[in-house]
Amino acid sequence: MWYNIITIFLIILGWLVIYLLNLKQQKKQLVDSAKLKIYEELYNLKKEIDKKVMGLSSLCSRSRYTLFTDIEYANKGIGIKKPFEIWQKYVSDLSRAIFSFTDAYLDFWTGVETWIEVMPELKKAKNELFNNQFNRLTDDLNKYHQYLQFLPMKINSRWDKLNEKEIKERAEQIGGRIDRIACGYVDDFIGLIHNALIASIFGRERRPRENFANMPQEYAILTRDGIKDTVLKK
């Protein structure tokens, strides 16, 4: 009799253990699935920034190369467009590109803000990226746009008086900031998100940029503790 009771008890206990293990596994699967969906959402928002950055960088590059050639030809009467028309179109294209980029980064910020409590260890990195770096970049982009917008009045539409060197230097500076922040730091941040959300699922963390061999002599990366400046040893 006691043997039968013990046997039944062990069977029930075994079922209970299996039930609890299955319940725990189901909960883990639900959590992992939720993390994957959050990461996918944020990664897609990051990809939208990448697309906008390509257009913005391309316009900055044009002001360092082909734009002045087009204006020079137009100023000599070659072609059907006037110098001001070329300049105005360029400035308008730049304005739209800046707006699209800003819109994409605000969407990314909104997504991150929605899910930041799931990855609280990234709050400092989030504040550094959006409150400091992105705010400064958008301010610089708007100042750069205003500078170009009012330049024809400054030179009294005498296109041969354009200071190409100054414009190209400014374009190079803003292009460098775009690359560093909108490409580099954003890529660093999505790597941090990857490690916070899904590294444990796949058993593999994403390496930070400082672990790559093709980095320049001096560079900075975004870490969980903020910006880290690095100088490689020769």
C-alpha atoms as a PDB file:
ATOM      1  CA  MET A   1       0.000   0.000   0.000  1.00  0.00           C
ATOM      2  CA  TRP A   2       2.726   2.471   1.012  1.00  0.00           C
ATOM      3  CA  TYR A   3       4.621   1.488  -2.103  1.00  0.00           C
ATOM      4  CA  ASN A   4       1.640   2.441  -4.290  1.00  0.00           C
ATOM      5  CA  ILE A   5       1.211   5.781  -2.493  1.00  0.00           C
ATOM      6  CA  ILE A   6       4.909   6.628  -2.903  1.00  0.00           C
ATOM      7  CA  THR A   7       4.767   5.641  -6.575  1.00  0.00           C
ATOM      8  CA  ILE A   8       1.730   7.850  -7.185  1.00  0.00           C
ATOM      9  CA  PHE A   9       3.404  10.700  -5.283  1.00  0.00           C
ATOM     10  CA  LEU A  10       6.563  10.413  -7.401  1.00  0.00           C
ATOM     11  CA  ILE A  11       4.513  10.325 -10.590  1.00  0.00           C
ATOM     12  CA  ILE A  12       2.606  13.447  -9.551  1.00  0.00           C
ATOM     13  CA  LEU A  13       5.853  15.128  -8.513  1.00  0.00           C
ATOM     14  CA  GLY A  14       7.418  14.262 -11.869  1.00  0.00           C
ATOM     15  CA  TRP A  15       4.445  15.686 -13.725  1.00  0.00           C
ATOM     16  CA  LEU A  16       4.631  18.849 -11.595  1.00  0.00           C
ATOM     17  CA  VAL A  17       8.338  19.280 -12.290  1.00  0.00           C
ATOM     18  CA  ILE A  18       7.790  18.785 -16.026  1.00  0.00           C
ATOM     19  CA  TYR A  19       4.879  21.251 -15.944  1.00  0.00           C
ATOM     20  CA  LEU A  20       6.958  23.891 -14.137  1.00  0.00           C
ATOM     21  CA  LEU A  21       9.894  23.381 -16.507  1.00  0.00           C
ATOM     22  CA  ASN A  22       7.601  23.701 -19.497  1.00  0.00           C
ATOM     23  CA  LEU A  23       6.033  26.804 -17.985  1.00  0.00           C
ATOM     24  CA  LYS A  24       9.483  28.327 -17.438  1.00  0.00           C
ATOM     25  CA  GLN A  25      10.537  27.444 -20.978  1.00  0.00           C
ATOM     26  CA  GLN A  26       7.368  28.954 -22.430  1.00  0.00           C
ATOM     27  CA  LYS A  27       7.935  32.139 -20.445  1.00  0.00           C
ATOM     28  CA  LYS A  28      11.533  32.330 -21.696  1.00  0.00           C
ATOM     29  CA  GLN A  29      10.360  31.817 -25.274  1.00  0.00           C
ATOM     30  CA  LEU A  30       7.803  34.599 -24.885  1.00  0.00           C
ATOM     31  CA  VAL A  31      10.432  36.955 -23.439  1.00  0.00           C
ATOM     32  CA  ASP A  32      12.952  36.062 -26.162  1.00  0.00           C
ATOM     33  CA  SER A  33      10.310  36.547 -28.848  1.00  0.00           C
ATOM     34  CA  ALA A  34       9.430  39.968 -27.422  1.00  0.00           C
ATOM     35  CA  LYS A  35      13.106  40.982 -27.333  1.00  0.00           C
ATOM     36  CA  LEU A  36      13.568  39.897 -30.949  1.00  0.00           C
ATOM     37  CA  LYS A  37      10.568  41.976 -32.020  1.00  0.00           C
ATOM     38  CA  ILE A  38      11.857  45.031 -30.142  1.00  0.00           C
ATOM     39  CA  TYR A  39      15.283  44.647 -31.713  1.00  0.00           C
ATOM     40  CA  GLU A  40      13.777  44.217 -35.184  1.00  0.00           C
ATOM     41  CA  GLU A  41      11.695  47.365 -34.715  1.00  0.00           C
ATOM     42  CA  LEU A  42      14.668  49.454 -33.582  1.00  0.00           C
ATOM     43  CA  TYR A  43      16.979  48.007 -36.227  1.00  0.00           C
ATOM     44  CA  ASN A  44      14.500  48.916 -38.982  1.00  0.00           C
ATOM     45  CA  LEU A  45      14.336  52.479 -37.630  1.00  0.00           C
ATOM     46  CA  LYS A  46      18.128  52.562 -37.656  1.00  0.00           C
ATOM     47  CA  LYS A  47      18.134  51.430 -41.304  1.00  0.00           C
ATOM     48  CA  GLU A  48      15.908  54.395 -42.181  1.00  0.00           C
ATOM     49  CA  ILE A  49      18.553  56.706 -40.720  1.00  0.00           C
ATOM     50  CA  ASP A  50      21.161  54.942 -42.867  1.00  0.00           C
ATOM     51  CA  LYS A  51      19.112  55.648 -46.003  1.00  0.00           C
ATOM     52  CA  LYS A  52      18.684  59.334 -45.174  1.00  0.00           C
ATOM     53  CA  VAL A  53      22.359  59.691 -44.322  1.00  0.00           C
ATOM     54  CA  MET A  54      23.344  58.422 -47.771  1.00  0.00           C
ATOM     55  CA  GLY A  55      21.377  61.204 -49.463  1.00  0.00           C
ATOM     56  CA  LEU A  56      22.641  63.832 -47.048  1.00  0.00           C
ATOM     57  CA  SER A  57      26.274  62.768 -47.420  1.00  0.00           C
ATOM     58  CA  SER A  58      25.912  62.729 -51.185  1.00  0.00           C
ATOM     59  CA  LEU A  59      24.736  66.352 -51.188  1.00  0.00           C
ATOM     60  CA  CYS A  60      27.600  67.423 -48.932  1.00  0.00           C
ATOM     61  CA  SER A  61      30.013  65.700 -51.315  1.00  0.00           C
ATOM     62  CA  ARG A  62      28.466  67.514 -54.275  1.00  0.00           C
ATOM     63  CA  SER A  63      29.206  70.886 -52.695  1.00  0.00           C
ATOM     64  CA  ARG A  64      32.838  69.809 -52.584  1.00  0.00           C
ATOM     65  CA  TYR A  65      33.050  68.685 -56.202  1.00  0.00           C
ATOM     66  CA  THR A  66      30.514  68.970 -59.064  1.00  0.00           C
ATOM     67  CA  LEU A  67      28.398  71.886 -57.805  1.00  0.00           C
ATOM     68  CA  PHE A  68      30.969  74.569 -58.552  1.00  0.00           C
ATOM     69  CA  THR A  69      31.720  73.153 -61.985  1.00  0.00           C
ATOM     70  CA  ASP A  70      28.020  73.339 -62.872  1.00  0.00           C
ATOM     71  CA  ILE A  71      27.797  76.923 -61.615  1.00  0.00           C
ATOM     72  CA  GLU A  72      30.951  77.920 -63.477  1.00  0.00           C
ATOM     73  CA  TYR A  73      29.583  76.571 -66.751  1.00  0.00           C
ATOM     74  CA  ALA A  74      26.213  78.240 -66.151  1.00  0.00           C
ATOM     75  CA  ASN A  75      27.943  81.551 -65.360  1.00  0.00           C
ATOM     76  CA  LYS A  76      29.638  81.327 -68.757  1.00  0.00           C
ATOM     77  CA  GLY A  77      26.294  80.777 -70.454  1.00  0.00           C
ATOM     78  CA  ILE A  78      26.809  77.064 -71.042  1.00  0.00           C
ATOM     79  CA  GLY A  79      23.554  75.168 -70.590  1.00  0.00           C
ATOM     80  CA  ILE A  80      20.000  76.359 -70.061  1.00  0.00           C
ATOM     81  CA  LYS A  81      20.088  76.907 -66.300  1.00  0.00           C
ATOM     82  CA  LYS A  82      21.267  80.046 -64.554  1.00  0.00           C
ATOM     83  CA  PRO A  83      23.747  79.889 -61.645  1.00  0.00           C
ATOM     84  CA  PHE A  84      21.069  80.956 -59.159  1.00  0.00           C
ATOM     85  CA  GLU A  85      18.717  78.212 -60.350  1.00  0.00           C
ATOM     86  CA  ILE A  86      21.420  75.594 -59.793  1.00  0.00           C
ATOM     87  CA  TRP A  87      22.258  77.005 -56.385  1.00  0.00           C
ATOM     88  CA  GLN A  88      18.627  77.324 -55.340  1.00  0.00           C
ATOM     89  CA  LYS A  89      17.886  73.735 -56.332  1.00  0.00           C
ATOM     90  CA  TYR A  90      20.911  72.509 -54.410  1.00  0.00           C
ATOM     91  CA  VAL A  91      19.898  74.407 -51.268  1.00  0.00           C
ATOM     92  CA  SER A  92      16.301  73.132 -51.591  1.00  0.00           C
ATOM     93  CA  ASP A  93      17.521  69.546 -52.008  1.00  0.00           C
ATOM     94  CA  LEU A  94      19.732  69.977 -48.960  1.00  0.00           C
ATOM     95  CA  SER A  95      16.813  71.351 -46.937  1.00  0.00           C
ATOM     96  CA  ARG A  96      14.663  68.327 -47.807  1.00  0.00           C
ATOM     97  CA  ALA A  97      17.513  65.934 -47.012  1.00  0.00           C
ATOM     98  CA  ILE A  98      18.072  67.551 -43.603  1.00  0.00           C
ATOM     99  CA  PHE A  99      14.349  67.389 -42.851  1.00  0.00           C
ATOM    100  CA  SER A 100      14.156  63.707 -43.873  1.00  0.00           C
ATOM    101  CA  PHE A 101      17.206  62.860 -41.798  1.00  0.00           C
ATOM    102  CA  THR A 102      15.861  64.713 -38.746  1.00  0.00           C
ATOM    103  CA  ASP A 103      12.501  62.979 -39.137  1.00  0.00           C
ATOM    104  CA  ALA A 104      14.188  59.562 -39.294  1.00  0.00           C
ATOM    105  CA  TYR A 105      16.355  60.179 -36.238  1.00  0.00           C
ATOM    106  CA  LEU A 106      13.329  61.423 -34.238  1.00  0.00           C
ATOM    107  CA  ASP A 107      11.481  58.216 -35.159  1.00  0.00           C
ATOM    108  CA  PHE A 108      14.484  56.248 -33.915  1.00  0.00           C
ATOM    109  CA  TRP A 109      14.576  58.292 -30.711  1.00  0.00           C
ATOM    110  CA  THR A 110      10.852  57.662 -30.150  1.00  0.00           C
ATOM    111  CA  GLY A 111      11.339  53.920 -30.608  1.00  0.00           C
ATOM    112  CA  VAL A 112      14.298  53.822 -28.244  1.00  0.00           C
ATOM    113  CA  GLU A 113      12.462  55.938 -25.672  1.00  0.00           C
ATOM    114  CA  THR A 114       9.531  53.514 -25.811  1.00  0.00           C
ATOM    115  CA  TRP A 115      11.698  50.483 -24.992  1.00  0.00           C
ATOM    116  CA  ILE A 116      14.557  51.945 -22.938  1.00  0.00           C
ATOM    117  CA  GLU A 117      13.176  50.506 -19.680  1.00  0.00           C
ATOM    118  CA  VAL A 118      13.739  47.030 -21.135  1.00  0.00           C
ATOM    119  CA  MET A 119      17.450  47.869 -21.394  1.00  0.00           C
ATOM    120  CA  PRO A 120      18.098  50.386 -18.580  1.00  0.00           C
ATOM    121  CA  GLU A 121      21.857  49.858 -18.812  1.00  0.00           C
ATOM    122  CA  LEU A 122      21.764  51.873 -22.057  1.00  0.00           C
ATOM    123  CA  LYS A 123      20.168  55.022 -20.615  1.00  0.00           C
ATOM    124  CA  LYS A 124      23.468  56.891 -20.405  1.00  0.00           C
ATOM    125  CA  ALA A 125      24.399  55.960 -23.991  1.00  0.00           C
ATOM    126  CA  LYS A 126      20.917  56.961 -25.173  1.00  0.00           C
ATOM    127  CA  ASN A 127      21.159  60.382 -23.526  1.00  0.00           C
ATOM    128  CA  GLU A 128      24.617  60.965 -24.986  1.00  0.00           C
ATOM    129  CA  LEU A 129      23.533  59.994 -28.506  1.00  0.00           C
ATOM    130  CA  PHE A 130      20.232  61.861 -28.707  1.00  0.00           C
ATOM    131  CA  ASN A 131      20.485  64.693 -26.169  1.00  0.00           C
ATOM    132  CA  ASN A 132      24.059  65.664 -27.048  1.00  0.00           C
ATOM    133  CA  GLN A 133      25.358  64.303 -30.337  1.00  0.00           C
ATOM    134  CA  PHE A 134      22.220  64.378 -32.480  1.00  0.00           C
ATOM    135  CA  ASN A 135      21.089  67.749 -31.150  1.00  0.00           C
ATOM    136  CA  ARG A 136      24.459  69.280 -31.999  1.00  0.00           C
ATOM    137  CA  LEU A 137      24.466  67.674 -35.431  1.00  0.00           C
ATOM    138  CA  THR A 138      21.018  68.969 -36.363  1.00  0.00           C
ATOM    139  CA  ASP A 139      21.988  72.459 -35.128  1.00  0.00           C
ATOM    140  CA  ASP A 140      25.139  72.344 -37.274  1.00  0.00           C
ATOM    141  CA  LEU A 141      23.180  71.098 -40.294  1.00  0.00           C
ATOM    142  CA  ASN A 142      20.654  73.923 -39.978  1.00  0.00           C
ATOM    143  CA  LYS A 143      23.432  76.513 -39.608  1.00  0.00           C
ATOM    144  CA  TYR A 144      25.180  75.066 -42.653  1.00  0.00           C
ATOM    145  CA  HIS A 145      21.959  75.255 -44.654  1.00  0.00           C
ATOM    146  CA  GLN A 146      21.357  78.874 -43.605  1.00  0.00           C
ATOM    147  CA  TYR A 147      24.931  79.768 -44.539  1.00  0.00           C
ATOM    148  CA  LEU A 148      24.424  78.405 -48.064  1.00  0.00           C
ATOM    149  CA  GLN A 149      20.932  79.854 -48.365  1.00  0.00           C
ATOM    150  CA  PHE A 150      22.065  83.445 -47.793  1.00  0.00           C
ATOM    151  CA  LEU A 151      25.354  83.180 -49.639  1.00  0.00           C
ATOM    152  CA  PRO A 152      24.019  84.540 -52.998  1.00  0.00           C
ATOM    153  CA  MET A 153      22.955  87.772 -51.255  1.00  0.00           C
ATOM    154  CA  LYS A 154      26.322  87.999 -49.531  1.00  0.00           C
ATOM    155  CA  ILE A 155      28.174  87.883 -52.848  1.00  0.00           C
ATOM    156  CA  ASN A 156      25.482  89.984 -54.553  1.00  0.00           C
ATOM    157  CA  SER A 157      24.937  87.115 -57.038  1.00  0.00           C
ATOM    158  CA  ARG A 158      28.458  87.520 -58.398  1.00  0.00           C
ATOM    159  CA  TRP A 159      29.110  83.820 -58.796  1.00  0.00           C
ATOM    160  CA  ASP A 160      32.745  84.308 -59.710  1.00  0.00           C
ATOM    161  CA  LYS A 161      33.193  85.630 -56.149  1.00  0.00           C
ATOM    162  CA  LEU A 162      32.140  82.372 -54.490  1.00  0.00           C
ATOM    163  CA  ASN A 163      34.665  81.312 -51.888  1.00  0.00           C
ATOM    164  CA  GLU A 164      34.947  77.689 -52.972  1.00  0.00           C
ATOM    165  CA  LYS A 165      37.641  76.885 -50.432  1.00  0.00           C
ATOM    166  CA  GLU A 166      35.542  78.042 -47.488  1.00  0.00           C
ATOM    167  CA  ILE A 167      32.428  76.240 -48.728  1.00  0.00           C
ATOM    168  CA  LYS A 168      34.329  73.010 -49.336  1.00  0.00           C
ATOM    169  CA  GLU A 169      35.944  73.189 -45.890  1.00  0.00           C
ATOM    170  CA  ARG A 170      32.540  73.637 -44.258  1.00  0.00           C
ATOM    171  CA  ALA A 171      31.121  70.786 -46.320  1.00  0.00           C
ATOM    172  CA  GLU A 172      34.001  68.561 -45.267  1.00  0.00           C
ATOM    173  CA  GLN A 173      33.480  69.459 -41.604  1.00  0.00           C
ATOM    174  CA  ILE A 174      29.746  68.772 -41.648  1.00  0.00           C
ATOM    175  CA  GLY A 175      30.311  65.605 -43.668  1.00  0.00           C
ATOM    176  CA  GLY A 176      32.763  64.397 -41.043  1.00  0.00           C
ATOM    177  CA  ARG A 177      30.240  65.050 -38.277  1.00  0.00           C
ATOM    178  CA  ILE A 178      27.560  63.168 -40.203  1.00  0.00           C
ATOM    179  CA  ASP A 179      29.878  60.178 -40.604  1.00  0.00           C
ATOM    180  CA  ARG A 180      30.969  60.222 -36.965  1.00  0.00           C
ATOM    181  CA  ILE A 181      27.533  60.641 -35.385  1.00  0.00           C
ATOM    182  CA  ALA A 182      24.846  59.456 -37.799  1.00  0.00           C
ATOM    183  CA  CYS A 183      26.922  56.514 -39.018  1.00  0.00           C
ATOM    184  CA  GLY A 184      29.500  55.636 -36.349  1.00  0.00           C
ATOM    185  CA  TYR A 185      27.685  56.382 -33.097  1.00  0.00           C
ATOM    186  CA  VAL A 186      24.352  55.086 -34.378  1.00  0.00           C
ATOM    187  CA  ASP A 187      26.049  51.847 -35.416  1.00  0.00           C
ATOM    188  CA  ASP A 188      27.678  51.641 -31.979  1.00  0.00           C
ATOM    189  CA  PHE A 189      24.296  52.140 -30.331  1.00  0.00           C
ATOM    190  CA  ILE A 190      22.517  49.457 -32.326  1.00  0.00           C
ATOM    191  CA  GLY A 191      25.363  47.154 -31.326  1.00  0.00           C
ATOM    192  CA  LEU A 192      24.701  47.964 -27.676  1.00  0.00           C
ATOM    193  CA  ILE A 193      21.004  47.271 -28.231  1.00  0.00           C
ATOM    194  CA  HIS A 194      21.897  43.950 -29.855  1.00  0.00           C
ATOM    195  CA  ASN A 195      23.982  42.927 -26.860  1.00  0.00           C
ATOM    196  CA  ALA A 196      21.350  44.075 -24.367  1.00  0.00           C
ATOM    197  CA  LEU A 197      18.409  42.337 -26.046  1.00  0.00           C
ATOM    198  CA  ILE A 198      19.392  39.342 -28.149  1.00  0.00           C
ATOM    199  CA  ALA A 199      23.018  38.408 -27.447  1.00  0.00           C
ATOM    200  CA  SER A 200      21.860  35.983 -24.751  1.00  0.00           C
ATOM    201  CA  ILE A 201      19.430  34.366 -27.197  1.00  0.00           C
ATOM    202  CA  PHE A 202      22.088  33.579 -29.781  1.00  0.00           C
ATOM    203  CA  GLY A 203      24.986  33.259 -27.360  1.00  0.00           C
ATOM    204  CA  ARG A 204      27.064  35.846 -29.177  1.00  0.00           C
ATOM    205  CA  GLU A 205      27.740  39.528 -28.514  1.00  0.00           C
ATOM    206  CA  ARG A 206      28.420  42.069 -31.216  1.00  0.00           C
ATOM    207  CA  ARG A 207      31.971  43.390 -31.143  1.00  0.00           C
ATOM    208  CA  PRO A 208      32.467  47.130 -30.602  1.00  0.00           C
ATOM    209  CA  ARG A 209      34.232  49.082 -33.334  1.00  0.00           C
ATOM    210  CA  GLU A 210      37.406  49.396 -31.279  1.00  0.00           C
ATOM    211  CA  ASN A 211      38.034  45.680 -31.830  1.00  0.00           C
ATOM    212  CA  PHE A 212      38.346  46.111 -35.588  1.00  0.00           C
ATOM    213  CA  ALA A 213      41.768  46.417 -37.162  1.00  0.00           C
ATOM    214  CA  ASN A 214      40.869  48.983 -39.851  1.00  0.00           C
ATOM    215  CA  MET A 215      40.102  51.870 -37.482  1.00  0.00           C
ATOM    216  CA  PRO A 216      41.909  55.206 -37.987  1.00  0.00           C
ATOM    217  CA  GLN A 217      44.702  56.321 -35.681  1.00  0.00           C
ATOM    218  CA  GLU A 218      42.344  58.457 -33.586  1.00  0.00           C
ATOM    219  CA  TYR A 219      38.642  57.759 -33.246  1.00  0.00           C
ATOM    220  CA  ALA A 220      35.768  57.796 -30.770  1.00  0.00           C
ATOM    221  CA  ILE A 221      33.050  55.241 -30.088  1.00  0.00           C
ATOM    222  CA  LEU A 222      29.787  55.292 -28.169  1.00  0.00           C
ATOM    223  CA  THR A 223      29.811  52.954 -25.188  1.00  0.00           C
ATOM    224  CA  ARG A 224      27.318  52.253 -22.399  1.00  0.00           C
ATOM    225  CA  ASP A 225      29.159  54.903 -20.362  1.00  0.00           C
ATOM    226  CA  GLY A 226      29.208  57.522 -23.113  1.00  0.00           C
ATOM    227  CA  ILE A 227      31.792  58.589 -25.695  1.00  0.00           C
ATOM    228  CA  LYS A 228      35.182  56.905 -25.504  1.00  0.00           C
ATOM    229  CA  ASP A 229      38.102  58.597 -27.253  1.00  0.00           C
ATOM    230  CA  THR A 230      40.804  56.217 -28.421  1.00  0.00           C
ATOM    231  CA  VAL A 231      44.277  56.632 -29.851  1.00  0.00           C
ATOM    232  CA  LEU A 232      45.769  53.522 -31.412  1.00  0.00           C
ATOM    233  CA  LYS A 233      49.344  52.710 -30.630  1.00  0.00           C
ATOM    234  CA  LYS A 234      51.659  52.630 -33.625  1.00  0.00           C
END
